[in-house]
Amino acid sequence: MSGVIYVVATPIGNLKDLTPRMKEAFESADFIAAEDTRVTVKLLNHLGIKKPMISYYEHNLKDKGEYIISRVLAGESCAVCSDAGTPCISDPGEILVKQAHSHGIRVIPITGPSAVITALSVSGQNTGRFCFEGFLSTTKKQRMEHLEQVKKETRTMIFYEAPHKLLNTLKDFKNTFGGERSLTIARELTKLHEEIKLTTVQDALDYYTENAPKGEFVLIVAGGVFESEEKELTLDQLAEKCIKLMETENIPLKEASKKVCAKTSFSKSEVYKAVQSLRG
């Protein structure tokens, strides 16, 4: 009978955020797969726990992943953790969890701190709908392609960033979203020098140009507000668009009318009648 994999969230700064279940999971596991064993051993020492550990990070995913899975299939249990927060989110553990599911291994979440949700909850931005964008690429081309994809995003966007890359990222934000876009800077969450600031992209850029960024950052960017292009069209223009849609997608007038009127002030029947009128 195979063992289980515990996905163990750990404190993002304050050790008082440790929970009894975190400790129990580490104690129950036969071994621990850590992003950096040097970081995790400090946490285990604090808990008074000694366990065999292996490193599992971006550059050894294939070999170590297969090794971990083979041990769990043989009956051992493994606790997976990152350096801080909930593992397997923008983290190599994502691959291990996929492998576990493909082998029918039970994966048990041990919930706890997450920098994404922690930052969002105190951001002052809209929290009803949001998307996590992780770290932007260090490659300029890939970074700009990423930002171009979310340029018209209406949901709140959450990014991670390192201090040495912050200024370039804020410059890219300005070019993509505009300097007046609302932005929350969450720095060193739960730590001694925690800072949460609701500002704008331009003001943040000005501030960190004068003050060297320190610590780990979570950037919460307000979603954009865009007028629908369809609302600017007249009924006759929508009718022409409907006819073109029928020709290109080979769909009936009723279905095309429904598609074209979405997000406009016109009804499906109005567009339908306008098409009939244009056709004579």
Protein backbone atom coordinates (compact mmCIF):
# COMPACT_ATOMS: atom_id res chain seq x y z
CA MET A 1 0.00 0.00 0.00
CA SER A 2 1.39 3.38 -1.00
CA GLY A 3 2.03 6.21 1.43
CA VAL A 4 0.73 9.76 1.15
CA ILE A 5 2.16 13.15 0.25
CA TYR A 6 1.50 16.01 2.64
CA VAL A 7 1.59 19.47 1.04
CA VAL A 8 2.62 21.52 4.06
CA ALA A 9 2.24 25.29 4.23
CA THR A 10 4.81 26.99 6.46
CA PRO A 11 5.02 30.52 7.92
CA ILE A 12 5.92 33.31 5.50
CA GLY A 13 7.78 35.16 8.24
CA ASN A 14 6.26 34.89 11.68
CA LEU A 15 6.82 31.52 13.38
CA LYS A 16 3.73 32.12 15.54
CA ASP A 17 1.73 31.25 12.42
CA LEU A 18 2.73 27.61 12.85
CA THR A 19 -0.23 25.30 13.39
CA PRO A 20 -0.53 21.95 15.21
CA ARG A 21 -1.33 20.24 11.89
CA MET A 22 1.90 21.49 10.34
CA LYS A 23 3.88 19.93 13.16
CA GLU A 24 1.86 16.71 13.00
CA ALA A 25 2.45 16.39 9.25
CA PHE A 26 6.22 16.79 9.62
CA GLU A 27 6.20 14.27 12.48
CA SER A 28 4.08 11.77 10.51
CA ALA A 29 6.18 11.90 7.36
CA ASP A 30 8.98 9.42 6.79
CA PHE A 31 10.97 12.05 4.92
CA ILE A 32 10.68 15.68 3.83
CA ALA A 33 11.09 17.13 0.34
CA ALA A 34 12.19 20.74 0.82
CA GLU A 35 12.91 23.55 -1.62
CA ASP A 36 16.04 24.40 0.40
CA THR A 37 16.99 21.99 3.18
CA ARG A 38 19.08 24.70 4.88
CA VAL A 39 15.94 26.81 5.34
CA THR A 40 13.66 23.95 6.38
CA VAL A 41 16.08 22.55 8.95
CA LYS A 42 15.78 25.81 10.90
CA LEU A 43 12.02 25.36 11.05
CA LEU A 44 12.35 21.72 12.10
CA ASN A 45 14.84 22.68 14.81
CA HIS A 46 12.32 25.21 16.11
CA LEU A 47 9.73 22.42 16.27
CA GLY A 48 12.18 19.95 17.80
CA ILE A 49 11.81 17.53 14.88
CA LYS A 50 14.52 15.51 13.15
CA LYS A 51 13.66 13.91 9.81
CA PRO A 52 15.58 12.81 6.71
CA MET A 53 15.37 15.53 4.05
CA ILE A 54 15.99 15.75 0.33
CA SER A 55 16.15 18.87 -1.79
CA TYR A 56 13.48 19.25 -4.46
CA TYR A 57 13.78 22.38 -6.58
CA GLU A 58 13.59 23.69 -10.14
CA HIS A 59 16.79 22.11 -11.45
CA ASN A 60 16.32 18.54 -10.19
CA LEU A 61 12.58 18.05 -10.76
CA LYS A 62 12.73 14.98 -12.98
CA ASP A 63 15.21 12.82 -11.06
CA LYS A 64 14.09 13.78 -7.56
CA GLY A 65 10.40 13.69 -8.52
CA GLU A 66 10.66 10.10 -9.74
CA TYR A 67 12.67 9.21 -6.63
CA ILE A 68 10.06 10.71 -4.28
CA ILE A 69 7.19 9.00 -6.09
CA SER A 70 8.96 5.61 -5.99
CA ARG A 71 9.47 5.87 -2.23
CA VAL A 72 5.85 6.87 -1.63
CA LEU A 73 4.59 4.04 -3.84
CA ALA A 74 6.72 1.72 -1.72
CA GLY A 75 4.79 2.79 1.37
CA GLU A 76 6.62 5.82 2.76
CA SER A 77 4.98 9.20 3.33
CA CYS A 78 6.51 12.50 2.29
CA ALA A 79 5.96 16.07 3.50
CA VAL A 80 6.54 18.65 0.76
CA CYS A 81 7.33 22.23 1.72
CA SER A 82 8.78 25.37 0.20
CA ASP A 83 10.97 27.94 1.93
CA ALA A 84 7.88 29.89 3.02
CA GLY A 85 4.14 29.83 2.50
CA THR A 86 2.01 27.29 0.66
CA PRO A 87 4.09 25.02 -1.59
CA CYS A 88 3.14 23.99 -5.12
CA ILE A 89 1.91 27.52 -5.97
CA SER A 90 4.34 29.11 -8.47
CA ASP A 91 6.64 26.42 -7.13
CA PRO A 92 8.28 23.17 -8.39
CA GLY A 93 6.03 21.12 -6.10
CA GLU A 94 3.29 21.62 -8.69
CA ILE A 95 4.96 18.96 -10.87
CA LEU A 96 5.25 16.50 -7.97
CA VAL A 97 1.54 16.83 -7.17
CA LYS A 98 0.65 16.09 -10.81
CA GLN A 99 2.88 13.01 -10.69
CA ALA A 100 1.24 11.88 -7.46
CA HIS A 101 -2.25 12.14 -8.94
CA SER A 102 -1.18 10.23 -12.06
CA HIS A 103 0.00 7.35 -9.80
CA GLY A 104 -3.12 7.39 -7.62
CA ILE A 105 -1.21 8.64 -4.58
CA ARG A 106 -3.26 10.49 -1.98
CA VAL A 107 -2.27 14.14 -1.59
CA ILE A 108 -3.20 15.79 1.73
CA PRO A 109 -3.19 19.60 2.02
CA ILE A 110 -1.96 21.03 5.32
CA THR A 111 -3.30 24.54 5.07
CA GLY A 112 -1.58 27.64 6.31
CA PRO A 113 -0.04 30.95 5.24
CA SER A 114 -0.04 32.06 1.63
CA ALA A 115 1.56 35.33 0.53
CA VAL A 116 -0.96 35.66 -2.33
CA ILE A 117 -4.08 35.57 -0.15
CA THR A 118 -2.47 37.38 2.77
CA ALA A 119 -1.51 40.32 0.56
CA LEU A 120 -4.84 40.41 -1.28
CA SER A 121 -6.86 40.44 1.96
CA VAL A 122 -5.23 43.69 3.12
CA SER A 123 -4.68 45.29 -0.28
CA GLY A 124 -7.70 47.57 -0.46
CA GLN A 125 -8.25 46.31 -4.03
CA ASN A 126 -11.28 44.42 -5.32
CA THR A 127 -11.14 40.85 -4.01
CA GLY A 128 -14.22 39.30 -5.64
CA ARG A 129 -12.30 38.24 -8.74
CA PHE A 130 -8.53 38.05 -9.03
CA CYS A 131 -5.76 36.23 -10.88
CA PHE A 132 -2.32 35.20 -9.69
CA GLU A 133 0.44 35.97 -12.21
CA GLY A 134 3.46 34.85 -10.18
CA PHE A 135 6.93 36.13 -11.07
CA LEU A 136 7.52 37.97 -14.33
CA SER A 137 10.32 36.55 -16.47
CA THR A 138 13.80 38.04 -16.20
CA THR A 139 13.90 37.99 -20.02
CA LYS A 140 12.63 41.30 -21.40
CA LYS A 141 10.78 39.77 -24.36
CA GLN A 142 8.97 37.15 -22.26
CA ARG A 143 8.16 39.72 -19.57
CA MET A 144 6.56 42.08 -22.06
CA GLU A 145 4.64 39.24 -23.72
CA HIS A 146 3.27 38.30 -20.29
CA LEU A 147 2.19 41.87 -19.54
CA GLU A 148 0.66 42.26 -22.99
CA GLN A 149 -1.53 39.23 -22.26
CA VAL A 150 -2.95 40.89 -19.12
CA LYS A 151 -3.04 44.45 -20.46
CA LYS A 152 -6.84 44.39 -20.66
CA GLU A 153 -7.41 42.22 -17.57
CA THR A 154 -10.37 43.46 -15.51
CA ARG A 155 -9.66 41.28 -12.47
CA THR A 156 -7.25 42.25 -9.70
CA MET A 157 -3.78 40.92 -10.61
CA ILE A 158 -1.21 39.63 -8.12
CA PHE A 159 2.51 39.41 -8.87
CA TYR A 160 5.55 38.34 -6.86
CA GLU A 161 8.74 40.35 -7.18
CA ALA A 162 12.28 40.41 -5.83
CA PRO A 163 13.80 43.71 -4.66
CA HIS A 164 16.51 43.89 -7.33
CA LYS A 165 13.89 43.60 -10.10
CA LEU A 166 11.23 45.88 -8.61
CA LEU A 167 12.12 49.13 -10.40
CA ASN A 168 12.15 47.52 -13.85
CA THR A 169 8.83 45.85 -13.11
CA LEU A 170 7.24 49.14 -12.01
CA LYS A 171 8.51 50.78 -15.22
CA ASP A 172 6.95 47.96 -17.24
CA PHE A 173 3.71 48.34 -15.26
CA LYS A 174 3.65 52.04 -16.14
CA ASN A 175 4.13 51.30 -19.84
CA THR A 176 1.46 48.59 -19.77
CA PHE A 177 -1.21 49.80 -17.33
CA GLY A 178 -0.45 53.52 -17.04
CA GLY A 179 0.99 55.48 -14.14
CA GLU A 180 -2.39 56.18 -12.53
CA ARG A 181 -3.34 52.50 -12.13
CA SER A 182 -4.04 51.65 -8.50
CA LEU A 183 -1.36 49.43 -6.96
CA THR A 184 -0.84 47.93 -3.53
CA ILE A 185 2.71 47.18 -2.40
CA ALA A 186 2.92 44.45 0.26
CA ARG A 187 6.46 44.01 1.57
CA GLU A 188 7.92 41.62 4.15
CA LEU A 189 4.51 40.25 5.13
CA THR A 190 4.21 39.09 8.78
CA LYS A 191 7.84 40.09 9.42
CA LEU A 192 9.31 42.85 11.58
CA HIS A 193 9.44 45.42 8.78
CA GLU A 194 6.07 44.58 7.23
CA GLU A 195 4.73 47.34 4.99
CA ILE A 196 1.42 47.55 3.11
CA LYS A 197 0.89 50.62 0.97
CA LEU A 198 -2.06 51.47 -1.31
CA THR A 199 -0.66 53.79 -3.97
CA THR A 200 -0.39 54.15 -7.76
CA VAL A 201 2.13 52.74 -10.20
CA GLN A 202 3.70 56.18 -10.75
CA ASP A 203 3.93 57.05 -7.06
CA ALA A 204 5.47 53.67 -6.29
CA LEU A 205 7.99 54.15 -9.08
CA ASP A 206 8.91 57.59 -7.78
CA TYR A 207 9.26 56.32 -4.21
CA TYR A 208 11.46 53.32 -4.99
CA THR A 209 13.60 55.34 -7.36
CA GLU A 210 14.58 57.42 -4.32
CA ASN A 211 14.47 54.57 -1.76
CA ALA A 212 16.24 51.28 -2.49
CA PRO A 213 13.75 48.35 -2.42
CA LYS A 214 14.35 45.85 0.39
CA GLY A 215 12.65 42.55 1.17
CA GLU A 216 10.26 40.37 -0.79
CA PHE A 217 7.34 42.06 -2.55
CA VAL A 218 3.78 41.14 -3.48
CA LEU A 219 2.31 43.57 -6.01
CA ILE A 220 -1.48 43.81 -6.26
CA VAL A 221 -2.56 45.67 -9.40
CA ALA A 222 -6.13 46.87 -9.86
CA GLY A 223 -7.92 45.46 -12.88
CA GLY A 224 -8.67 47.83 -15.72
CA VAL A 225 -12.04 49.37 -16.52
CA PHE A 226 -12.72 49.26 -20.25
CA GLU A 227 -15.68 50.38 -22.27
CA SER A 228 -16.98 47.56 -24.40
CA GLU A 229 -16.21 48.11 -28.07
CA GLU A 230 -19.60 46.65 -28.91
CA LYS A 231 -21.44 49.47 -27.09
CA GLU A 232 -19.91 52.01 -29.46
CA LEU A 233 -21.45 50.31 -32.49
CA THR A 234 -24.79 51.34 -33.93
CA LEU A 235 -27.55 48.83 -34.59
CA ASP A 236 -26.75 48.87 -38.32
CA GLN A 237 -23.07 48.23 -37.58
CA LEU A 238 -24.00 45.32 -35.35
CA ALA A 239 -26.20 43.94 -38.13
CA GLU A 240 -23.27 44.11 -40.57
CA LYS A 241 -21.05 42.40 -38.02
CA CYS A 242 -23.70 39.71 -37.59
CA ILE A 243 -23.84 39.02 -41.33
CA LYS A 244 -20.05 38.74 -41.46
CA LEU A 245 -20.11 36.35 -38.50
CA MET A 246 -22.70 34.15 -40.22
CA GLU A 247 -20.49 33.94 -43.30
CA THR A 248 -17.18 33.28 -41.53
CA GLU A 249 -18.47 30.80 -38.93
CA ASN A 250 -21.30 29.36 -41.02
CA ILE A 251 -23.87 29.77 -38.25
CA PRO A 252 -27.58 30.67 -38.45
CA LEU A 253 -28.88 34.21 -37.97
CA LYS A 254 -30.41 33.42 -34.57
CA GLU A 255 -27.09 32.23 -33.11
CA ALA A 256 -25.09 35.06 -34.70
CA SER A 257 -27.52 37.67 -33.33
CA LYS A 258 -27.11 36.28 -29.85
CA LYS A 259 -23.31 36.44 -30.06
CA VAL A 260 -23.19 39.94 -31.51
CA CYS A 261 -25.56 41.55 -29.01
CA ALA A 262 -23.63 40.28 -25.97
CA LYS A 263 -22.35 43.17 -23.81
CA THR A 264 -24.35 45.73 -25.80
CA SER A 265 -27.50 47.65 -25.00
CA PHE A 266 -29.31 45.95 -27.92
CA SER A 267 -31.36 42.79 -27.67
CA LYS A 268 -30.99 39.67 -29.79
CA SER A 269 -34.31 40.38 -31.50
CA GLU A 270 -33.27 43.95 -32.40
CA VAL A 271 -30.12 42.72 -34.10
CA TYR A 272 -32.10 39.94 -35.79
CA LYS A 273 -34.59 42.43 -37.25
CA ALA A 274 -31.82 44.82 -38.30
CA VAL A 275 -30.14 42.03 -40.30
CA GLN A 276 -33.43 41.20 -42.00
CA SER A 277 -33.89 44.88 -42.81
CA LEU A 278 -30.41 45.15 -44.33
CA ARG A 279 -31.11 42.10 -46.45
CA GLY A 280 -34.22 43.78 -47.79
